[in-house]
Amino acid sequence: MAAGQKKLVISAPEPRTLDLIFTPQARQILDERYDVIEADPNDIAGLGDAVLQEARYIVGQPPLSRETLDRMPKLRAILNVESNLINNMPYEVLFKRGIHVVTTGQVFAEPVAELGLAMALNIARGIVDADVDFREGRELWGGDGNARARLLSGADVGIIGFGDLGKALNRVLTGFRTTTRVFDPWMPASILREHGVIPASLDDVLSNSDFIFVVAAVTSENEGFLGAKAFARMRDGAAFILLSRANVVNFDDLMAAVASRRIVAASDVYPQEPLPLDHPVRKLKGFLRSAHRAGALDSAFKKMGDMVLEDMDLMDRDLPPMRCKRAERETVSRMRSRPVTVN
């Protein structure tokens, strides 16, 4: 690369776009500092050697083969702006070559945590149902409208998974003085205690919680692990709030548990998205629904671009990326999330 020549970035962030993840000011900086080549994520190899041999960064998570990577001697990092780590590239080759794989997924932690809190408060106080009743003229006034109401303050809370989202959720719950138990087999107990939560087994979380938040990523070890037996362990009337990925749950078993009126539930994610119009969960009483919108705020998307620019600047100066979260060689191949199709 000649002196003063811009470093080359391959842009393949589908379903995101550069305009979605960069503010106009950040996009201007990107274009001033880098030669940006927009590409079909399914045909990176087709860009040709003139591009591949000079590419320093990839923004996105396109499928990559060993052969394609062999044609990219200057590649320094893959900056995933989707958040899911998908098993669509030879991670062992990337780690061996010292190519960073990083994700901006932490931008979603706070907005998802806030929506999870809103779901818990709605379940505790019946806000949506009370509003519908009011609109239709069958509202119950005062104490008559609180027959099933309860407080989140002082409640027993369980969190399954304690990554970025679990930590953000714990922060927004702090003011409610909850007793919070956490199950996360990948997290040392000492780190959990440092965050003021109680390390617990899955059975302990299930059987001793009024509200259970599921924020675990889907892995080769936990796909569908929350099923009928898990729901049977929950307290009568407990709330099950699903915020991460639907594939950690046997969704039919979850619907059956809600239909039995033993538990109530809320979810922002589903086994199929968009969900068919005739899916039974749409009319299931005791189930609060959100259309995978918890993290999809423009402010969150725009943080992605800022993080990408900051880390590319560090790597341009031969420093490691620090703003995005790095994939770990021990766990990346265990991830089983599906790619997102809607922003």
Protein backbone atom coordinates (compact mmCIF):
# COMPACT_ATOMS: atom_id res chain seq x y z
CA MET A 1 0.00 0.00 0.00
CA ALA A 2 1.48 3.32 -1.04
CA ALA A 3 2.18 6.00 1.55
CA GLY A 4 -0.92 8.07 2.22
CA GLN A 5 -3.22 5.54 0.55
CA LYS A 6 -6.44 4.89 2.42
CA LYS A 7 -6.90 1.54 4.13
CA LEU A 8 -9.54 -0.60 2.50
CA VAL A 9 -12.78 -1.61 4.24
CA ILE A 10 -15.18 -4.20 2.84
CA SER A 11 -18.72 -3.26 3.88
CA ALA A 12 -21.15 -6.19 4.07
CA PRO A 13 -23.34 -5.52 7.12
CA GLU A 14 -26.62 -7.01 5.82
CA PRO A 15 -29.36 -6.61 7.01
CA ARG A 16 -27.87 -3.43 8.44
CA THR A 17 -26.68 -0.62 6.19
CA LEU A 18 -23.93 1.93 6.67
CA ASP A 19 -26.55 4.69 6.88
CA LEU A 20 -28.29 2.78 9.68
CA ILE A 21 -25.20 2.31 11.84
CA PHE A 22 -23.32 5.56 11.16
CA THR A 23 -24.49 9.08 11.86
CA PRO A 24 -23.88 11.46 8.93
CA GLN A 25 -20.87 12.85 10.80
CA ALA A 26 -19.44 9.38 11.51
CA ARG A 27 -20.07 8.29 7.91
CA GLN A 28 -18.11 11.30 6.71
CA ILE A 29 -15.20 10.31 8.94
CA LEU A 30 -15.38 6.74 7.65
CA ASP A 31 -15.23 7.88 4.03
CA GLU A 32 -12.44 10.36 4.72
CA ARG A 33 -10.22 7.78 6.42
CA TYR A 34 -10.99 4.63 4.45
CA ASP A 35 -11.66 3.33 0.98
CA VAL A 36 -15.04 1.63 1.53
CA ILE A 37 -16.09 -1.12 -0.88
CA GLU A 38 -19.72 -2.19 -0.48
CA ALA A 39 -20.16 -5.88 -1.23
CA ASP A 40 -22.69 -8.69 -1.46
CA PRO A 41 -22.06 -10.64 1.77
CA ASN A 42 -22.58 -13.93 -0.08
CA ASP A 43 -19.93 -13.17 -2.69
CA ILE A 44 -16.91 -11.73 -0.92
CA ALA A 45 -14.71 -14.05 -2.97
CA GLY A 46 -16.08 -12.45 -6.12
CA LEU A 47 -14.57 -9.07 -5.28
CA GLY A 48 -11.35 -10.14 -6.93
CA ASP A 49 -7.75 -10.15 -5.77
CA ALA A 50 -7.22 -6.42 -6.27
CA VAL A 51 -9.69 -5.78 -3.44
CA LEU A 52 -9.11 -8.86 -1.28
CA GLN A 53 -5.34 -8.45 -1.14
CA GLU A 54 -5.70 -4.90 0.21
CA ALA A 55 -8.69 -5.37 2.54
CA ARG A 56 -7.84 -4.48 6.14
CA TYR A 57 -11.29 -4.62 7.74
CA ILE A 58 -14.65 -6.26 7.08
CA VAL A 59 -17.73 -4.57 8.53
CA GLY A 60 -20.38 -7.26 8.80
CA GLN A 61 -20.44 -11.01 9.21
CA PRO A 62 -20.37 -12.48 5.70
CA PRO A 63 -19.66 -16.19 5.18
CA LEU A 64 -15.94 -16.66 4.55
CA SER A 65 -14.04 -19.74 3.42
CA ARG A 66 -10.43 -20.64 4.16
CA GLU A 67 -9.65 -20.05 0.51
CA THR A 68 -11.08 -16.53 0.60
CA LEU A 69 -9.19 -15.71 3.78
CA ASP A 70 -5.97 -16.96 2.17
CA ARG A 71 -6.48 -14.23 -0.45
CA MET A 72 -6.69 -11.55 2.26
CA PRO A 73 -3.16 -11.22 3.69
CA LYS A 74 -3.74 -7.76 5.20
CA LEU A 75 -7.04 -8.50 6.95
CA ARG A 76 -6.86 -7.26 10.54
CA ALA A 77 -10.41 -7.53 11.87
CA ILE A 78 -13.99 -8.56 11.20
CA LEU A 79 -16.34 -6.10 12.88
CA ASN A 80 -19.69 -7.81 13.37
CA VAL A 81 -22.52 -5.25 13.55
CA GLU A 82 -25.28 -7.81 13.92
CA SER A 83 -24.47 -9.02 17.48
CA ASN A 84 -24.95 -12.76 16.88
CA LEU A 85 -21.81 -14.76 16.27
CA ILE A 86 -22.64 -17.24 13.52
CA ASN A 87 -20.59 -20.31 12.65
CA ASN A 88 -20.06 -19.20 9.05
CA MET A 89 -16.31 -18.74 8.91
CA PRO A 90 -13.24 -20.76 10.00
CA TYR A 91 -12.64 -19.12 13.36
CA GLU A 92 -9.60 -21.29 14.06
CA VAL A 93 -7.90 -19.76 11.01
CA LEU A 94 -8.80 -16.24 12.12
CA PHE A 95 -7.43 -16.81 15.63
CA LYS A 96 -4.27 -18.46 14.28
CA ARG A 97 -3.61 -15.46 12.05
CA GLY A 98 -4.38 -12.97 14.82
CA ILE A 99 -7.39 -11.54 12.99
CA HIS A 100 -9.77 -9.99 15.51
CA VAL A 101 -13.45 -10.92 15.44
CA VAL A 102 -15.45 -8.38 17.40
CA THR A 103 -19.11 -7.60 17.90
CA THR A 104 -21.00 -4.42 18.68
CA GLY A 105 -23.88 -6.35 20.27
CA GLN A 106 -23.45 -4.69 23.64
CA VAL A 107 -25.24 -1.60 22.26
CA PHE A 108 -28.49 -3.53 22.66
CA ALA A 109 -27.99 -4.44 26.32
CA GLU A 110 -29.43 -1.30 27.90
CA PRO A 111 -32.50 -0.88 25.65
CA VAL A 112 -33.37 -4.58 25.93
CA ALA A 113 -32.94 -4.45 29.70
CA GLU A 114 -35.27 -1.46 29.92
CA LEU A 115 -37.95 -3.20 27.89
CA GLY A 116 -37.54 -6.29 30.09
CA LEU A 117 -38.12 -4.10 33.15
CA ALA A 118 -41.22 -2.65 31.48
CA MET A 119 -42.53 -6.15 30.81
CA ALA A 120 -41.99 -7.14 34.45
CA LEU A 121 -43.79 -4.04 35.70
CA ASN A 122 -46.66 -4.62 33.30
CA ILE A 123 -47.02 -8.23 34.42
CA ALA A 124 -46.90 -7.15 38.07
CA ARG A 125 -49.53 -4.41 37.67
CA GLY A 126 -51.57 -5.51 34.64
CA ILE A 127 -51.05 -2.21 32.84
CA VAL A 128 -51.85 -3.32 29.28
CA ASP A 129 -54.92 -5.35 30.26
CA ALA A 130 -56.21 -2.48 32.42
CA ASP A 131 -55.80 -0.08 29.51
CA VAL A 132 -57.69 -2.39 27.15
CA ASP A 133 -60.46 -2.78 29.73
CA PHE A 134 -60.66 1.02 30.12
CA ARG A 135 -60.93 1.54 26.37
CA GLU A 136 -63.79 -0.95 26.22
CA GLY A 137 -65.64 0.45 29.25
CA ARG A 138 -65.17 -2.49 31.59
CA GLU A 139 -62.46 -1.03 33.83
CA LEU A 140 -62.26 -1.85 37.52
CA TRP A 141 -61.57 1.11 39.81
CA GLY A 142 -59.17 1.25 42.75
CA GLY A 143 -58.53 -1.95 44.63
CA ASP A 144 -61.01 -3.87 42.48
CA GLY A 145 -58.55 -3.51 39.61
CA ASN A 146 -55.64 -4.89 41.61
CA ALA A 147 -56.86 -8.39 42.49
CA ARG A 148 -53.76 -9.95 40.87
CA ALA A 149 -51.36 -7.03 41.29
CA ARG A 150 -48.05 -7.36 43.08
CA LEU A 151 -44.83 -5.43 43.58
CA LEU A 152 -41.57 -5.88 41.77
CA SER A 153 -39.90 -4.11 44.68
CA GLY A 154 -38.47 -6.66 47.08
CA ALA A 155 -39.32 -9.59 44.82
CA ASP A 156 -37.25 -12.70 44.22
CA VAL A 157 -35.72 -12.36 40.76
CA GLY A 158 -33.88 -14.94 38.68
CA ILE A 159 -31.65 -14.18 35.72
CA ILE A 160 -30.54 -16.92 33.33
CA GLY A 161 -27.37 -15.72 31.61
CA PHE A 162 -25.12 -12.89 32.77
CA GLY A 163 -23.41 -11.40 29.76
CA ASP A 164 -23.79 -7.78 28.73
CA LEU A 165 -27.59 -8.02 28.80
CA GLY A 166 -27.73 -9.76 32.16
CA LYS A 167 -25.48 -7.12 33.70
CA ALA A 168 -27.57 -4.30 32.21
CA LEU A 169 -30.74 -5.90 33.51
CA ASN A 170 -29.24 -6.20 36.98
CA ARG A 171 -28.40 -2.48 36.90
CA VAL A 172 -31.95 -1.39 36.03
CA LEU A 173 -33.33 -3.64 38.76
CA THR A 174 -31.07 -2.20 41.46
CA GLY A 175 -33.56 0.39 42.70
CA PHE A 176 -36.21 -2.28 43.25
CA ARG A 177 -34.22 -3.93 46.06
CA THR A 178 -34.77 -7.40 44.59
CA THR A 179 -33.10 -10.58 45.79
CA THR A 180 -31.48 -11.64 42.53
CA ARG A 181 -30.20 -15.12 41.79
CA VAL A 182 -28.22 -15.81 38.63
CA PHE A 183 -27.53 -19.00 36.74
CA ASP A 184 -24.68 -18.78 34.23
CA PRO A 185 -22.37 -21.82 33.90
CA TRP A 186 -19.82 -19.77 31.95
CA MET A 187 -19.45 -17.13 34.68
CA PRO A 188 -17.31 -17.52 37.84
CA ALA A 189 -19.24 -17.17 41.07
CA SER A 190 -16.89 -14.42 42.28
CA ILE A 191 -17.82 -12.18 39.34
CA LEU A 192 -21.50 -12.70 40.05
CA ARG A 193 -20.99 -11.73 43.69
CA GLU A 194 -19.09 -8.61 42.62
CA HIS A 195 -22.25 -7.54 40.79
CA GLY A 196 -24.32 -8.01 43.92
CA VAL A 197 -26.19 -11.11 42.77
CA ILE A 198 -26.37 -14.60 44.22
CA PRO A 199 -24.74 -17.41 42.20
CA ALA A 200 -27.34 -20.16 41.86
CA SER A 201 -28.16 -23.40 40.11
CA LEU A 202 -30.79 -23.48 37.39
CA ASP A 203 -33.15 -25.33 39.72
CA ASP A 204 -32.65 -22.70 42.42
CA VAL A 205 -33.45 -19.89 39.98
CA LEU A 206 -36.53 -21.66 38.65
CA SER A 207 -38.01 -22.66 42.00
CA ASN A 208 -37.21 -19.52 44.01
CA SER A 209 -38.10 -16.64 41.70
CA ASP A 210 -41.18 -14.48 41.26
CA PHE A 211 -39.77 -13.09 38.01
CA ILE A 212 -37.36 -14.99 35.74
CA PHE A 213 -35.51 -13.16 32.97
CA VAL A 214 -33.91 -15.27 30.23
CA VAL A 215 -31.03 -13.42 28.62
CA ALA A 216 -28.76 -16.32 27.64
CA ALA A 217 -27.32 -16.70 24.15
CA VAL A 218 -28.10 -19.89 22.23
CA THR A 219 -25.19 -22.34 22.33
CA SER A 220 -24.53 -25.97 21.44
CA GLU A 221 -25.08 -26.75 25.13
CA ASN A 222 -28.38 -25.00 25.91
CA GLU A 223 -30.57 -25.11 22.81
CA GLY A 224 -34.13 -25.83 23.97
CA PHE A 225 -33.01 -26.53 27.53
CA LEU A 226 -35.93 -24.69 29.13
CA GLY A 227 -38.91 -26.99 28.63
CA ALA A 228 -41.83 -28.56 30.46
CA LYS A 229 -39.74 -29.79 33.40
CA ALA A 230 -38.27 -26.32 33.89
CA PHE A 231 -41.66 -24.61 33.83
CA ALA A 232 -43.05 -27.18 36.28
CA ARG A 233 -40.32 -26.15 38.76
CA MET A 234 -41.49 -22.51 38.77
CA ARG A 235 -43.63 -20.97 41.49
CA ASP A 236 -47.34 -20.72 40.81
CA GLY A 237 -48.01 -17.35 39.23
CA ALA A 238 -44.35 -16.63 38.50
CA ALA A 239 -43.43 -14.57 35.44
CA PHE A 240 -41.12 -15.88 32.71
CA ILE A 241 -39.65 -13.10 30.55
CA LEU A 242 -37.74 -14.12 27.41
CA LEU A 243 -35.42 -11.43 26.03
CA SER A 244 -32.48 -13.12 24.29
CA ARG A 245 -33.26 -15.85 21.74
CA ALA A 246 -36.28 -18.13 21.45
CA ASN A 247 -34.19 -21.21 20.74
CA VAL A 248 -33.12 -21.54 24.37
CA VAL A 249 -36.76 -22.41 25.12
CA ASN A 250 -39.10 -25.17 24.02
CA PHE A 251 -41.69 -22.67 22.89
CA ASP A 252 -44.58 -25.16 22.73
CA ASP A 253 -43.89 -26.13 26.34
CA LEU A 254 -43.81 -22.47 27.33
CA MET A 255 -47.19 -21.84 25.72
CA ALA A 256 -48.61 -24.93 27.42
CA ALA A 257 -47.39 -23.74 30.82
CA VAL A 258 -49.01 -20.34 30.27
CA ALA A 259 -52.23 -21.89 28.95
CA SER A 260 -52.44 -23.96 32.16
CA ARG A 261 -52.40 -20.64 34.07
CA ARG A 262 -49.59 -21.86 36.33
CA ILE A 263 -47.27 -19.12 35.09
CA VAL A 264 -47.44 -15.96 33.02
CA ALA A 265 -44.93 -15.00 30.35
CA ALA A 266 -43.61 -12.27 28.12
CA SER A 267 -41.37 -12.50 25.08
CA ASP A 268 -39.65 -10.25 22.59
CA VAL A 269 -38.37 -13.19 20.49
CA TYR A 270 -39.98 -16.15 18.72
CA PRO A 271 -39.02 -19.43 17.01
CA GLN A 272 -39.98 -17.92 13.66
CA GLU A 273 -39.80 -14.24 12.80
CA PRO A 274 -41.95 -12.65 11.56
CA LEU A 275 -44.47 -14.87 13.34
CA PRO A 276 -47.32 -16.39 11.26
CA LEU A 277 -50.62 -14.59 11.74
CA ASP A 278 -52.29 -17.80 12.90
CA HIS A 279 -49.65 -18.68 15.51
CA PRO A 280 -51.41 -19.62 18.77
CA VAL A 281 -49.24 -17.38 20.92
CA ARG A 282 -50.93 -14.32 19.39
CA LYS A 283 -54.18 -15.03 21.30
CA LEU A 284 -52.74 -16.74 24.37
CA LYS A 285 -54.06 -15.16 27.57
CA GLY A 286 -51.36 -14.48 30.13
CA PHE A 287 -48.69 -13.92 27.48
CA LEU A 288 -47.31 -10.42 26.82
CA ARG A 289 -45.94 -10.06 23.29
CA SER A 290 -43.36 -7.75 21.68
CA ALA A 291 -42.18 -8.03 18.06
CA HIS A 292 -38.39 -8.36 18.55
CA ARG A 293 -38.12 -4.61 18.99
CA ALA A 294 -36.47 -4.38 22.41
CA GLY A 295 -33.06 -3.31 21.16
CA ALA A 296 -33.96 -1.83 17.79
CA LEU A 297 -33.54 1.84 18.64
CA ASP A 298 -31.84 4.22 16.24
CA SER A 299 -29.65 5.46 19.09
CA ALA A 300 -28.38 1.90 19.60
CA PHE A 301 -27.69 1.37 15.91
CA LYS A 302 -25.74 4.61 15.68
CA LYS A 303 -23.52 3.59 18.61
CA MET A 304 -22.37 0.69 16.46
CA GLY A 305 -20.73 3.00 13.95
CA ASP A 306 -18.98 4.96 16.69
CA MET A 307 -17.60 1.74 18.17
CA VAL A 308 -16.40 0.53 14.77
CA LEU A 309 -14.58 3.80 14.10
CA GLU A 310 -12.94 3.83 17.52
CA ASP A 311 -11.65 0.29 17.22
CA MET A 312 -10.42 0.71 13.65
CA ASP A 313 -8.54 3.80 14.79
CA LEU A 314 -6.88 1.76 17.55
CA MET A 315 -5.93 -1.02 15.16
CA ASP A 316 -4.61 1.51 12.63
CA ARG A 317 -2.13 2.44 15.36
CA ASP A 318 -1.24 -1.22 16.01
CA LEU A 319 -3.26 -1.33 19.22
CA PRO A 320 -5.90 -3.96 20.05
CA PRO A 321 -9.63 -3.20 19.68
CA MET A 322 -11.11 -2.17 23.01
CA ARG A 323 -14.59 -0.77 22.31
CA CYS A 324 -16.23 -3.80 20.71
CA LYS A 325 -16.46 -7.19 22.39
CA ARG A 326 -13.99 -9.76 21.14
CA ALA A 327 -15.03 -13.29 20.23
CA GLU A 328 -13.32 -15.90 22.38
CA ARG A 329 -11.65 -18.89 20.78
CA GLU A 330 -13.07 -21.24 23.44
CA THR A 331 -16.71 -20.28 22.96
CA VAL A 332 -17.26 -18.80 19.50
CA SER A 333 -17.76 -22.15 17.78
CA ARG A 334 -20.43 -23.10 20.35
CA MET A 335 -22.76 -20.25 19.39
CA ARG A 336 -25.95 -21.34 17.64
CA SER A 337 -27.82 -18.08 16.99
CA ARG A 338 -29.48 -17.52 13.66
CA PRO A 339 -28.75 -14.41 11.59
CA VAL A 340 -31.20 -11.58 11.97
CA THR A 341 -33.33 -10.74 8.95
CA VAL A 342 -35.08 -7.58 10.20
CA ASN A 343 -33.31 -4.68 11.91
